[in-house]
Amino acid sequence: MAEETPNLTDLPHEDRLHLLRFVCSFAWADLEIADPERTFVADLMQRLELTEEDRTKALEWLAVPPRPEEIDPTEVPREHRQLFLKIVLEMVQADGRIDGDEIETYALFEQLLR
């Protein structure tokens, strides 16, 4: 039986921001942010029910990628790791093309979360 994905709004506030930082960092994996990736982040912000202040932070992460110390995979709570992997993979696929850097970065992320 397939495991049900938890509701994104059930995540604690800090975990929602952490997820968004990861998503934005993956949008930068190929060194450019495509329009479908921006749309994905905008949709995700809606789904996460973020405050205006949090939305502003996310837009900053799309303008300048999050610093590496802000996206430590070891800080992802074990109970949310599958959800983070699922959402990040959706981001990787958002622009309809997956380049080698994105695959490599996702594979490393997956390995660190397992």
PDB file of N, CA and C in Angstrom:
ATOM      1  N   MET A   1       0.845  -1.180   0.000  1.00  0.00           N
ATOM      2  CA  MET A   1       0.000   0.000   0.000  1.00  0.00           C
ATOM      3  C   MET A   1       0.888   1.241   0.000  1.00  0.00           C
ATOM      4  N   ALA A   2       0.571   2.214  -0.822  1.00  0.00           N
ATOM      5  CA  ALA A   2       1.369   3.437  -0.938  1.00  0.00           C
ATOM      6  C   ALA A   2       1.204   4.292   0.316  1.00  0.00           C
ATOM      7  N   GLU A   3       2.311   4.884   0.744  1.00  0.00           N
ATOM      8  CA  GLU A   3       2.294   5.760   1.904  1.00  0.00           C
ATOM      9  C   GLU A   3       1.665   7.087   1.512  1.00  0.00           C
ATOM     10  N   GLU A   4       0.744   7.576   2.332  1.00  0.00           N
ATOM     11  CA  GLU A   4       0.077   8.834   2.031  1.00  0.00           C
ATOM     12  C   GLU A   4       1.001   9.997   2.357  1.00  0.00           C
ATOM     13  N   THR A   5       1.054  10.959   1.467  1.00  0.00           N
ATOM     14  CA  THR A   5       1.885  12.142   1.674  1.00  0.00           C
ATOM     15  C   THR A   5       1.193  13.055   2.674  1.00  0.00           C
ATOM     16  N   PRO A   6       1.929  13.488   3.712  1.00  0.00           N
ATOM     17  CA  PRO A   6       1.311  14.401   4.671  1.00  0.00           C
ATOM     18  C   PRO A   6       0.988  15.740   4.014  1.00  0.00           C
ATOM     19  N   ASN A   7       0.031  16.422   4.576  1.00  0.00           N
ATOM     20  CA  ASN A   7      -0.351  17.733   4.099  1.00  0.00           C
ATOM     21  C   ASN A   7       0.793  18.701   4.375  1.00  0.00           C
ATOM     22  N   LEU A   8       1.152  19.499   3.403  1.00  0.00           N
ATOM     23  CA  LEU A   8       2.265  20.438   3.567  1.00  0.00           C
ATOM     24  C   LEU A   8       2.033  21.418   4.708  1.00  0.00           C
ATOM     25  N   THR A   9       0.779  21.762   4.950  1.00  0.00           N
ATOM     26  CA  THR A   9       0.497  22.720   6.022  1.00  0.00           C
ATOM     27  C   THR A   9       0.619  22.077   7.397  1.00  0.00           C
ATOM     28  N   ASP A  10       0.749  20.751   7.461  1.00  0.00           N
ATOM     29  CA  ASP A  10       0.979  20.073   8.743  1.00  0.00           C
ATOM     30  C   ASP A  10       2.431  20.210   9.195  1.00  0.00           C
ATOM     31  N   LEU A  11       3.306  20.597   8.269  1.00  0.00           N
ATOM     32  CA  LEU A  11       4.709  20.786   8.634  1.00  0.00           C
ATOM     33  C   LEU A  11       4.841  21.979   9.573  1.00  0.00           C
ATOM     34  N   PRO A  12       5.701  21.862  10.573  1.00  0.00           N
ATOM     35  CA  PRO A  12       5.977  23.041  11.399  1.00  0.00           C
ATOM     36  C   PRO A  12       6.528  24.170  10.522  1.00  0.00           C
ATOM     37  N   HIS A  13       6.337  25.394  10.957  1.00  0.00           N
ATOM     38  CA  HIS A  13       6.730  26.574  10.188  1.00  0.00           C
ATOM     39  C   HIS A  13       8.182  26.495   9.713  1.00  0.00           C
ATOM     40  N   GLU A  14       9.105  26.183  10.605  1.00  0.00           N
ATOM     41  CA  GLU A  14      10.521  26.122  10.224  1.00  0.00           C
ATOM     42  C   GLU A  14      10.784  25.054   9.168  1.00  0.00           C
ATOM     43  N   ASP A  15      10.079  23.934   9.247  1.00  0.00           N
ATOM     44  CA  ASP A  15      10.247  22.884   8.241  1.00  0.00           C
ATOM     45  C   ASP A  15       9.701  23.315   6.887  1.00  0.00           C
ATOM     46  N   ARG A  16       8.639  24.107   6.889  1.00  0.00           N
ATOM     47  CA  ARG A  16       8.112  24.634   5.621  1.00  0.00           C
ATOM     48  C   ARG A  16       9.140  25.544   4.964  1.00  0.00           C
ATOM     49  N   LEU A  17       9.773  26.397   5.762  1.00  0.00           N
ATOM     50  CA  LEU A  17      10.813  27.277   5.209  1.00  0.00           C
ATOM     51  C   LEU A  17      12.025  26.470   4.759  1.00  0.00           C
ATOM     52  N   HIS A  18      12.377  25.451   5.526  1.00  0.00           N
ATOM     53  CA  HIS A  18      13.513  24.600   5.167  1.00  0.00           C
ATOM     54  C   HIS A  18      13.246  23.926   3.819  1.00  0.00           C
ATOM     55  N   LEU A  19      12.040  23.402   3.648  1.00  0.00           N
ATOM     56  CA  LEU A  19      11.660  22.777   2.383  1.00  0.00           C
ATOM     57  C   LEU A  19      11.771  23.784   1.238  1.00  0.00           C
ATOM     58  N   LEU A  20      11.278  24.972   1.452  1.00  0.00           N
ATOM     59  CA  LEU A  20      11.324  25.990   0.415  1.00  0.00           C
ATOM     60  C   LEU A  20      12.761  26.376   0.072  1.00  0.00           C
ATOM     61  N   ARG A  21      13.641  26.430   1.067  1.00  0.00           N
ATOM     62  CA  ARG A  21      15.064  26.707   0.796  1.00  0.00           C
ATOM     63  C   ARG A  21      15.657  25.620  -0.087  1.00  0.00           C
ATOM     64  N   PHE A  22      15.334  24.355   0.214  1.00  0.00           N
ATOM     65  CA  PHE A  22      15.831  23.252  -0.619  1.00  0.00           C
ATOM     66  C   PHE A  22      15.298  23.373  -2.034  1.00  0.00           C
ATOM     67  N   VAL A  23      14.024  23.644  -2.170  1.00  0.00           N
ATOM     68  CA  VAL A  23      13.414  23.761  -3.495  1.00  0.00           C
ATOM     69  C   VAL A  23      14.088  24.877  -4.287  1.00  0.00           C
ATOM     70  N   CYS A  24      14.298  26.013  -3.651  1.00  0.00           N
ATOM     71  CA  CYS A  24      14.948  27.132  -4.347  1.00  0.00           C
ATOM     72  C   CYS A  24      16.390  26.796  -4.696  1.00  0.00           C
ATOM     73  N   SER A  25      17.078  26.093  -3.822  1.00  0.00           N
ATOM     74  CA  SER A  25      18.464  25.719  -4.133  1.00  0.00           C
ATOM     75  C   SER A  25      18.506  24.754  -5.320  1.00  0.00           C
ATOM     76  N   PHE A  26      17.526  23.866  -5.423  1.00  0.00           N
ATOM     77  CA  PHE A  26      17.483  22.959  -6.569  1.00  0.00           C
ATOM     78  C   PHE A  26      17.102  23.699  -7.842  1.00  0.00           C
ATOM     79  N   ALA A  27      16.316  24.739  -7.716  1.00  0.00           N
ATOM     80  CA  ALA A  27      16.001  25.548  -8.905  1.00  0.00           C
ATOM     81  C   ALA A  27      17.283  26.143  -9.476  1.00  0.00           C
ATOM     82  N   TRP A  28      18.268  26.402  -8.609  1.00  0.00           N
ATOM     83  CA  TRP A  28      19.549  26.989  -9.028  1.00  0.00           C
ATOM     84  C   TRP A  28      20.560  25.941  -9.504  1.00  0.00           C
ATOM     85  N   ALA A  29      20.239  24.643  -9.412  1.00  0.00           N
ATOM     86  CA  ALA A  29      21.217  23.587  -9.727  1.00  0.00           C
ATOM     87  C   ALA A  29      21.835  23.739 -11.112  1.00  0.00           C
ATOM     88  N   ASP A  30      21.056  24.201 -12.082  1.00  0.00           N
ATOM     89  CA  ASP A  30      21.585  24.385 -13.443  1.00  0.00           C
ATOM     90  C   ASP A  30      21.973  25.844 -13.713  1.00  0.00           C
ATOM     91  N   LEU A  31      22.054  26.629 -12.641  1.00  0.00           N
ATOM     92  CA  LEU A  31      22.519  28.024 -12.666  1.00  0.00           C
ATOM     93  C   LEU A  31      21.574  28.999 -13.352  1.00  0.00           C
ATOM     94  N   GLU A  32      20.339  28.590 -13.587  1.00  0.00           N
ATOM     95  CA  GLU A  32      19.342  29.507 -14.127  1.00  0.00           C
ATOM     96  C   GLU A  32      17.967  29.101 -13.612  1.00  0.00           C
ATOM     97  N   ILE A  33      17.129  30.099 -13.403  1.00  0.00           N
ATOM     98  CA  ILE A  33      15.770  29.850 -12.933  1.00  0.00           C
ATOM     99  C   ILE A  33      14.830  30.038 -14.114  1.00  0.00           C
ATOM    100  N   ALA A  34      14.206  28.950 -14.545  1.00  0.00           N
ATOM    101  CA  ALA A  34      13.268  29.004 -15.672  1.00  0.00           C
ATOM    102  C   ALA A  34      11.882  29.419 -15.165  1.00  0.00           C
ATOM    103  N   ASP A  35      11.074  29.962 -16.057  1.00  0.00           N
ATOM    104  CA  ASP A  35       9.722  30.395 -15.683  1.00  0.00           C
ATOM    105  C   ASP A  35       8.906  29.273 -15.033  1.00  0.00           C
ATOM    106  N   PRO A  36       8.948  28.028 -15.562  1.00  0.00           N
ATOM    107  CA  PRO A  36       8.187  26.957 -14.900  1.00  0.00           C
ATOM    108  C   PRO A  36       8.672  26.697 -13.461  1.00  0.00           C
ATOM    109  N   GLU A  37       9.955  26.931 -13.210  1.00  0.00           N
ATOM    110  CA  GLU A  37      10.463  26.762 -11.847  1.00  0.00           C
ATOM    111  C   GLU A  37       9.927  27.867 -10.942  1.00  0.00           C
ATOM    112  N   ARG A  38       9.868  29.083 -11.454  1.00  0.00           N
ATOM    113  CA  ARG A  38       9.277  30.192 -10.687  1.00  0.00           C
ATOM    114  C   ARG A  38       7.812  29.898 -10.380  1.00  0.00           C
ATOM    115  N   THR A  39       7.115  29.374 -11.366  1.00  0.00           N
ATOM    116  CA  THR A  39       5.704  29.017 -11.182  1.00  0.00           C
ATOM    117  C   THR A  39       5.568  27.922 -10.132  1.00  0.00           C
ATOM    118  N   PHE A  40       6.454  26.929 -10.185  1.00  0.00           N
ATOM    119  CA  PHE A  40       6.419  25.848  -9.201  1.00  0.00           C
ATOM    120  C   PHE A  40       6.594  26.412  -7.791  1.00  0.00           C
ATOM    121  N   VAL A  41       7.569  27.312  -7.618  1.00  0.00           N
ATOM    122  CA  VAL A  41       7.818  27.910  -6.295  1.00  0.00           C
ATOM    123  C   VAL A  41       6.601  28.722  -5.853  1.00  0.00           C
ATOM    124  N   ALA A  42       6.006  29.475  -6.749  1.00  0.00           N
ATOM    125  CA  ALA A  42       4.817  30.264  -6.404  1.00  0.00           C
ATOM    126  C   ALA A  42       3.672  29.352  -5.958  1.00  0.00           C
ATOM    127  N   ASP A  43       3.471  28.264  -6.687  1.00  0.00           N
ATOM    128  CA  ASP A  43       2.429  27.299  -6.319  1.00  0.00           C
ATOM    129  C   ASP A  43       2.734  26.652  -4.972  1.00  0.00           C
ATOM    130  N   LEU A  44       3.996  26.312  -4.761  1.00  0.00           N
ATOM    131  CA  LEU A  44       4.396  25.698  -3.500  1.00  0.00           C
ATOM    132  C   LEU A  44       4.177  26.661  -2.338  1.00  0.00           C
ATOM    133  N   MET A  45       4.475  27.933  -2.540  1.00  0.00           N
ATOM    134  CA  MET A  45       4.243  28.921  -1.484  1.00  0.00           C
ATOM    135  C   MET A  45       2.758  28.952  -1.106  1.00  0.00           C
ATOM    136  N   GLN A  46       1.894  28.844  -2.105  1.00  0.00           N
ATOM    137  CA  GLN A  46       0.446  28.785  -1.842  1.00  0.00           C
ATOM    138  C   GLN A  46       0.109  27.552  -1.023  1.00  0.00           C
ATOM    139  N   ARG A  47       0.625  26.416  -1.453  1.00  0.00           N
ATOM    140  CA  ARG A  47       0.337  25.147  -0.772  1.00  0.00           C
ATOM    141  C   ARG A  47       0.869  25.135   0.660  1.00  0.00           C
ATOM    142  N   LEU A  48       1.969  25.837   0.901  1.00  0.00           N
ATOM    143  CA  LEU A  48       2.568  25.888   2.236  1.00  0.00           C
ATOM    144  C   LEU A  48       1.889  26.924   3.132  1.00  0.00           C
ATOM    145  N   GLU A  49       1.002  27.734   2.559  1.00  0.00           N
ATOM    146  CA  GLU A  49       0.279  28.779   3.293  1.00  0.00           C
ATOM    147  C   GLU A  49       1.248  29.662   4.077  1.00  0.00           C
ATOM    148  N   LEU A  50       2.180  30.252   3.350  1.00  0.00           N
ATOM    149  CA  LEU A  50       3.215  31.080   3.961  1.00  0.00           C
ATOM    150  C   LEU A  50       2.743  32.503   4.212  1.00  0.00           C
ATOM    151  N   THR A  51       3.392  33.137   5.150  1.00  0.00           N
ATOM    152  CA  THR A  51       3.130  34.548   5.424  1.00  0.00           C
ATOM    153  C   THR A  51       3.767  35.392   4.318  1.00  0.00           C
ATOM    154  N   GLU A  52       3.413  36.643   4.276  1.00  0.00           N
ATOM    155  CA  GLU A  52       4.008  37.553   3.289  1.00  0.00           C
ATOM    156  C   GLU A  52       5.517  37.670   3.515  1.00  0.00           C
ATOM    157  N   GLU A  53       5.923  37.698   4.769  1.00  0.00           N
ATOM    158  CA  GLU A  53       7.353  37.764   5.098  1.00  0.00           C
ATOM    159  C   GLU A  53       8.092  36.531   4.566  1.00  0.00           C
ATOM    160  N   ASP A  54       7.487  35.355   4.722  1.00  0.00           N
ATOM    161  CA  ASP A  54       8.103  34.126   4.212  1.00  0.00           C
ATOM    162  C   ASP A  54       8.155  34.118   2.690  1.00  0.00           C
ATOM    163  N   ARG A  55       7.139  34.649   2.057  1.00  0.00           N
ATOM    164  CA  ARG A  55       7.119  34.727   0.592  1.00  0.00           C
ATOM    165  C   ARG A  55       8.250  35.631   0.087  1.00  0.00           C
ATOM    166  N   THR A  56       8.475  36.711   0.813  1.00  0.00           N
ATOM    167  CA  THR A  56       9.563  37.622   0.455  1.00  0.00           C
ATOM    168  C   THR A  56      10.905  36.903   0.539  1.00  0.00           C
ATOM    169  N   LYS A  57      11.101  36.093   1.582  1.00  0.00           N
ATOM    170  CA  LYS A  57      12.339  35.311   1.720  1.00  0.00           C
ATOM    171  C   LYS A  57      12.502  34.368   0.522  1.00  0.00           C
ATOM    172  N   ALA A  58      11.410  33.705   0.155  1.00  0.00           N
ATOM    173  CA  ALA A  58      11.473  32.759  -0.959  1.00  0.00           C
ATOM    174  C   ALA A  58      11.850  33.466  -2.257  1.00  0.00           C
ATOM    175  N   LEU A  59      11.289  34.632  -2.476  1.00  0.00           N
ATOM    176  CA  LEU A  59      11.629  35.379  -3.684  1.00  0.00           C
ATOM    177  C   LEU A  59      13.099  35.793  -3.662  1.00  0.00           C
ATOM    178  N   GLU A  60      13.630  36.064  -2.483  1.00  0.00           N
ATOM    179  CA  GLU A  60      15.059  36.372  -2.356  1.00  0.00           C
ATOM    180  C   GLU A  60      15.897  35.142  -2.714  1.00  0.00           C
ATOM    181  N   TRP A  61      15.438  33.952  -2.302  1.00  0.00           N
ATOM    182  CA  TRP A  61      16.172  32.720  -2.621  1.00  0.00           C
ATOM    183  C   TRP A  61      16.121  32.418  -4.120  1.00  0.00           C
ATOM    184  N   LEU A  62      15.114  32.916  -4.801  1.00  0.00           N
ATOM    185  CA  LEU A  62      15.074  32.760  -6.256  1.00  0.00           C
ATOM    186  C   LEU A  62      15.984  33.781  -6.939  1.00  0.00           C
ATOM    187  N   ALA A  63      16.219  34.903  -6.274  1.00  0.00           N
ATOM    188  CA  ALA A  63      17.121  35.913  -6.835  1.00  0.00           C
ATOM    189  C   ALA A  63      18.578  35.557  -6.571  1.00  0.00           C
ATOM    190  N   VAL A  64      18.848  35.016  -5.389  1.00  0.00           N
ATOM    191  CA  VAL A  64      20.194  34.601  -4.969  1.00  0.00           C
ATOM    192  C   VAL A  64      20.026  33.286  -4.222  1.00  0.00           C
ATOM    193  N   PRO A  65      20.716  32.225  -4.644  1.00  0.00           N
ATOM    194  CA  PRO A  65      20.495  30.927  -4.008  1.00  0.00           C
ATOM    195  C   PRO A  65      20.804  30.952  -2.510  1.00  0.00           C
ATOM    196  N   PRO A  66      20.080  30.111  -1.749  1.00  0.00           N
ATOM    197  CA  PRO A  66      20.377  29.998  -0.321  1.00  0.00           C
ATOM    198  C   PRO A  66      21.832  29.572  -0.105  1.00  0.00           C
ATOM    199  N   ARG A  67      22.409  30.053   0.984  1.00  0.00           N
ATOM    200  CA  ARG A  67      23.786  29.661   1.329  1.00  0.00           C
ATOM    201  C   ARG A  67      23.807  28.182   1.717  1.00  0.00           C
ATOM    202  N   PRO A  68      24.902  27.480   1.458  1.00  0.00           N
ATOM    203  CA  PRO A  68      24.973  26.045   1.770  1.00  0.00           C
ATOM    204  C   PRO A  68      24.627  25.716   3.222  1.00  0.00           C
ATOM    205  N   GLU A  69      25.022  26.549   4.151  1.00  0.00           N
ATOM    206  CA  GLU A  69      24.727  26.263   5.564  1.00  0.00           C
ATOM    207  C   GLU A  69      23.238  26.376   5.887  1.00  0.00           C
ATOM    208  N   GLU A  70      22.456  26.943   4.966  1.00  0.00           N
ATOM    209  CA  GLU A  70      21.013  27.056   5.163  1.00  0.00           C
ATOM    210  C   GLU A  70      20.252  25.825   4.659  1.00  0.00           C
ATOM    211  N   ILE A  71      20.947  24.921   4.009  1.00  0.00           N
ATOM    212  CA  ILE A  71      20.266  23.769   3.396  1.00  0.00           C
ATOM    213  C   ILE A  71      20.946  22.458   3.766  1.00  0.00           C
ATOM    214  N   ASP A  72      21.162  22.243   5.034  1.00  0.00           N
ATOM    215  CA  ASP A  72      21.811  21.031   5.524  1.00  0.00           C
ATOM    216  C   ASP A  72      20.808  19.871   5.549  1.00  0.00           C
ATOM    217  N   PRO A  73      20.979  18.859   4.702  1.00  0.00           N
ATOM    218  CA  PRO A  73      20.044  17.729   4.659  1.00  0.00           C
ATOM    219  C   PRO A  73      19.929  16.981   5.989  1.00  0.00           C
ATOM    220  N   THR A  74      20.968  17.019   6.794  1.00  0.00           N
ATOM    221  CA  THR A  74      20.906  16.301   8.069  1.00  0.00           C
ATOM    222  C   THR A  74      19.921  16.957   9.044  1.00  0.00           C
ATOM    223  N   GLU A  75      19.509  18.179   8.751  1.00  0.00           N
ATOM    224  CA  GLU A  75      18.541  18.866   9.607  1.00  0.00           C
ATOM    225  C   GLU A  75      17.092  18.577   9.227  1.00  0.00           C
ATOM    226  N   VAL A  76      16.877  17.832   8.148  1.00  0.00           N
ATOM    227  CA  VAL A  76      15.521  17.474   7.751  1.00  0.00           C
ATOM    228  C   VAL A  76      15.034  16.378   8.698  1.00  0.00           C
ATOM    229  N   PRO A  77      13.932  16.619   9.403  1.00  0.00           N
ATOM    230  CA  PRO A  77      13.420  15.588  10.316  1.00  0.00           C
ATOM    231  C   PRO A  77      13.133  14.288   9.562  1.00  0.00           C
ATOM    232  N   ARG A  78      13.486  13.189  10.184  1.00  0.00           N
ATOM    233  CA  ARG A  78      13.317  11.869   9.563  1.00  0.00           C
ATOM    234  C   ARG A  78      11.898  11.669   9.030  1.00  0.00           C
ATOM    235  N   GLU A  79      10.902  12.116   9.785  1.00  0.00           N
ATOM    236  CA  GLU A  79       9.516  11.890   9.385  1.00  0.00           C
ATOM    237  C   GLU A  79       9.099  12.715   8.167  1.00  0.00           C
ATOM    238  N   HIS A  80       9.911  13.685   7.773  1.00  0.00           N
ATOM    239  CA  HIS A  80       9.575  14.518   6.613  1.00  0.00           C
ATOM    240  C   HIS A  80      10.476  14.269   5.405  1.00  0.00           C
ATOM    241  N   ARG A  81      11.402  13.365   5.525  1.00  0.00           N
ATOM    242  CA  ARG A  81      12.386  13.174   4.448  1.00  0.00           C
ATOM    243  C   ARG A  81      11.757  12.736   3.134  1.00  0.00           C
ATOM    244  N   GLN A  82      10.808  11.816   3.173  1.00  0.00           N
ATOM    245  CA  GLN A  82      10.165  11.366   1.926  1.00  0.00           C
ATOM    246  C   GLN A  82       9.428  12.519   1.261  1.00  0.00           C
ATOM    247  N   LEU A  83       8.776  13.337   2.054  1.00  0.00           N
ATOM    248  CA  LEU A  83       8.064  14.493   1.520  1.00  0.00           C
ATOM    249  C   LEU A  83       9.038  15.472   0.874  1.00  0.00           C
ATOM    250  N   PHE A  84      10.168  15.751   1.542  1.00  0.00           N
ATOM    251  CA  PHE A  84      11.168  16.654   0.968  1.00  0.00           C
ATOM    252  C   PHE A  84      11.677  16.105  -0.356  1.00  0.00           C
ATOM    253  N   LEU A  85      11.972  14.811  -0.407  1.00  0.00           N
ATOM    254  CA  LEU A  85      12.453  14.197  -1.651  1.00  0.00           C
ATOM    255  C   LEU A  85      11.418  14.335  -2.766  1.00  0.00           C
ATOM    256  N   LYS A  86      10.159  14.082  -2.433  1.00  0.00           N
ATOM    257  CA  LYS A  86       9.085  14.161  -3.424  1.00  0.00           C
ATOM    258  C   LYS A  86       8.964  15.578  -3.992  1.00  0.00           C
ATOM    259  N   ILE A  87       8.939  16.574  -3.113  1.00  0.00           N
ATOM    260  CA  ILE A  87       8.753  17.955  -3.564  1.00  0.00           C
ATOM    261  C   ILE A  87       9.980  18.442  -4.339  1.00  0.00           C
ATOM    262  N   VAL A  88      11.161  18.090  -3.868  1.00  0.00           N
ATOM    263  CA  VAL A  88      12.384  18.508  -4.574  1.00  0.00           C
ATOM    264  C   VAL A  88      12.435  17.861  -5.961  1.00  0.00           C
ATOM    265  N   LEU A  89      12.046  16.592  -6.060  1.00  0.00           N
ATOM    266  CA  LEU A  89      12.017  15.940  -7.369  1.00  0.00           C
ATOM    267  C   LEU A  89      11.021  16.642  -8.299  1.00  0.00           C
ATOM    268  N   GLU A  90       9.885  17.071  -7.770  1.00  0.00           N
ATOM    269  CA  GLU A  90       8.921  17.821  -8.573  1.00  0.00           C
ATOM    270  C   GLU A  90       9.564  19.106  -9.094  1.00  0.00           C
ATOM    271  N   MET A  91      10.371  19.751  -8.259  1.00  0.00           N
ATOM    272  CA  MET A  91      11.070  20.968  -8.700  1.00  0.00           C
ATOM    273  C   MET A  91      12.052  20.648  -9.817  1.00  0.00           C
ATOM    274  N   VAL A  92      12.809  19.582  -9.645  1.00  0.00           N
ATOM    275  CA  VAL A  92      13.808  19.197 -10.654  1.00  0.00           C
ATOM    276  C   VAL A  92      13.121  18.972 -12.006  1.00  0.00           C
ATOM    277  N   GLN A  93      11.927  18.450 -11.984  1.00  0.00           N
ATOM    278  CA  GLN A  93      11.197  18.138 -13.213  1.00  0.00           C
ATOM    279  C   GLN A  93      10.348  19.298 -13.726  1.00  0.00           C
ATOM    280  N   ALA A  94      10.250  20.374 -12.961  1.00  0.00           N
ATOM    281  CA  ALA A  94       9.311  21.467 -13.252  1.00  0.00           C
ATOM    282  C   ALA A  94       9.507  22.122 -14.618  1.00  0.00           C
ATOM    283  N   ASP A  95      10.754  22.259 -15.059  1.00  0.00           N
ATOM    284  CA  ASP A  95      10.978  22.959 -16.331  1.00  0.00           C
ATOM    285  C   ASP A  95      10.975  22.024 -17.535  1.00  0.00           C
ATOM    286  N   GLY A  96      10.667  20.757 -17.307  1.00  0.00           N
ATOM    287  CA  GLY A  96      10.544  19.809 -18.405  1.00  0.00           C
ATOM    288  C   GLY A  96      11.856  19.258 -18.933  1.00  0.00           C
ATOM    289  N   ARG A  97      12.970  19.658 -18.323  1.00  0.00           N
ATOM    290  CA  ARG A  97      14.265  19.093 -18.710  1.00  0.00           C
ATOM    291  C   ARG A  97      15.108  18.921 -17.450  1.00  0.00           C
ATOM    292  N   ILE A  98      15.861  17.848 -17.433  1.00  0.00           N
ATOM    293  CA  ILE A  98      16.713  17.557 -16.282  1.00  0.00           C
ATOM    294  C   ILE A  98      18.137  17.423 -16.785  1.00  0.00           C
ATOM    295  N   ASP A  99      19.009  18.315 -16.325  1.00  0.00           N
ATOM    296  CA  ASP A  99      20.399  18.216 -16.773  1.00  0.00           C
ATOM    297  C   ASP A  99      21.222  17.421 -15.765  1.00  0.00           C
ATOM    298  N   GLY A 100      22.440  17.123 -16.131  1.00  0.00           N
ATOM    299  CA  GLY A 100      23.321  16.280 -15.330  1.00  0.00           C
ATOM    300  C   GLY A 100      23.571  16.819 -13.939  1.00  0.00           C
ATOM    301  N   ASP A 101      23.731  18.138 -13.812  1.00  0.00           N
ATOM    302  CA  ASP A 101      23.952  18.732 -12.492  1.00  0.00           C
ATOM    303  C   ASP A 101      22.755  18.510 -11.582  1.00  0.00           C
ATOM    304  N   GLU A 102      21.564  18.634 -12.143  1.00  0.00           N
ATOM    305  CA  GLU A 102      20.360  18.439 -11.342  1.00  0.00           C
ATOM    306  C   GLU A 102      20.246  16.985 -10.887  1.00  0.00           C
ATOM    307  N   ILE A 103      20.526  16.051 -11.788  1.00  0.00           N
ATOM    308  CA  ILE A 103      20.467  14.631 -11.433  1.00  0.00           C
ATOM    309  C   ILE A 103      21.480  14.315 -10.348  1.00  0.00           C
ATOM    310  N   GLU A 104      22.684  14.803 -10.526  1.00  0.00           N
ATOM    311  CA  GLU A 104      23.754  14.549  -9.563  1.00  0.00           C
ATOM    312  C   GLU A 104      23.426  15.149  -8.191  1.00  0.00           C
ATOM    313  N   THR A 105      22.934  16.358  -8.180  1.00  0.00           N
ATOM    314  CA  THR A 105      22.590  17.029  -6.927  1.00  0.00           C
ATOM    315  C   THR A 105      21.438  16.314  -6.236  1.00  0.00           C
ATOM    316  N   TYR A 106      20.423  15.909  -7.002  1.00  0.00           N
ATOM    317  CA  TYR A 106      19.293  15.189  -6.417  1.00  0.00           C
ATOM    318  C   TYR A 106      19.743  13.837  -5.861  1.00  0.00           C
ATOM    319  N   ALA A 107      20.576  13.120  -6.589  1.00  0.00           N
ATOM    320  CA  ALA A 107      21.064  11.818  -6.130  1.00  0.00           C
ATOM    321  C   ALA A 107      21.820  11.956  -4.811  1.00  0.00           C
ATOM    322  N   LEU A 108      22.629  12.981  -4.698  1.00  0.00           N
ATOM    323  CA  LEU A 108      23.375  13.229  -3.465  1.00  0.00           C
ATOM    324  C   LEU A 108      22.402  13.569  -2.331  1.00  0.00           C
ATOM    325  N   PHE A 109      21.433  14.409  -2.597  1.00  0.00           N
ATOM    326  CA  PHE A 109      20.420  14.777  -1.609  1.00  0.00           C
ATOM    327  C   PHE A 109      19.684  13.532  -1.115  1.00  0.00           C
ATOM    328  N   GLU A 110      19.277  12.698  -2.060  1.00  0.00           N
ATOM    329  CA  GLU A 110      18.572  11.463  -1.714  1.00  0.00           C
ATOM    330  C   GLU A 110      19.430  10.568  -0.842  1.00  0.00           C
ATOM    331  N   GLN A 111      20.686  10.438  -1.205  1.00  0.00           N
ATOM    332  CA  GLN A 111      21.615   9.596  -0.448  1.00  0.00           C
ATOM    333  C   GLN A 111      21.803  10.131   0.975  1.00  0.00           C
ATOM    334  N   LEU A 112      21.893  11.435   1.122  1.00  0.00           N
ATOM    335  CA  LEU A 112      22.059  12.034   2.442  1.00  0.00           C
ATOM    336  C   LEU A 112      20.832  11.894   3.326  1.00  0.00           C
ATOM    337  N   LEU A 113      19.665  11.783   2.714  1.00  0.00           N
ATOM    338  CA  LEU A 113      18.434  11.650   3.486  1.00  0.00           C
ATOM    339  C   LEU A 113      18.084  10.208   3.824  1.00  0.00           C
ATOM    340  N   ARG A 114      18.726   9.264   3.219  1.00  0.00           N
ATOM    341  CA  ARG A 114      18.392   7.852   3.470  1.00  0.00           C
ATOM    342  C   ARG A 114      19.090   7.312   4.674  1.00  0.00           C
TER     343      ARG A 114
END
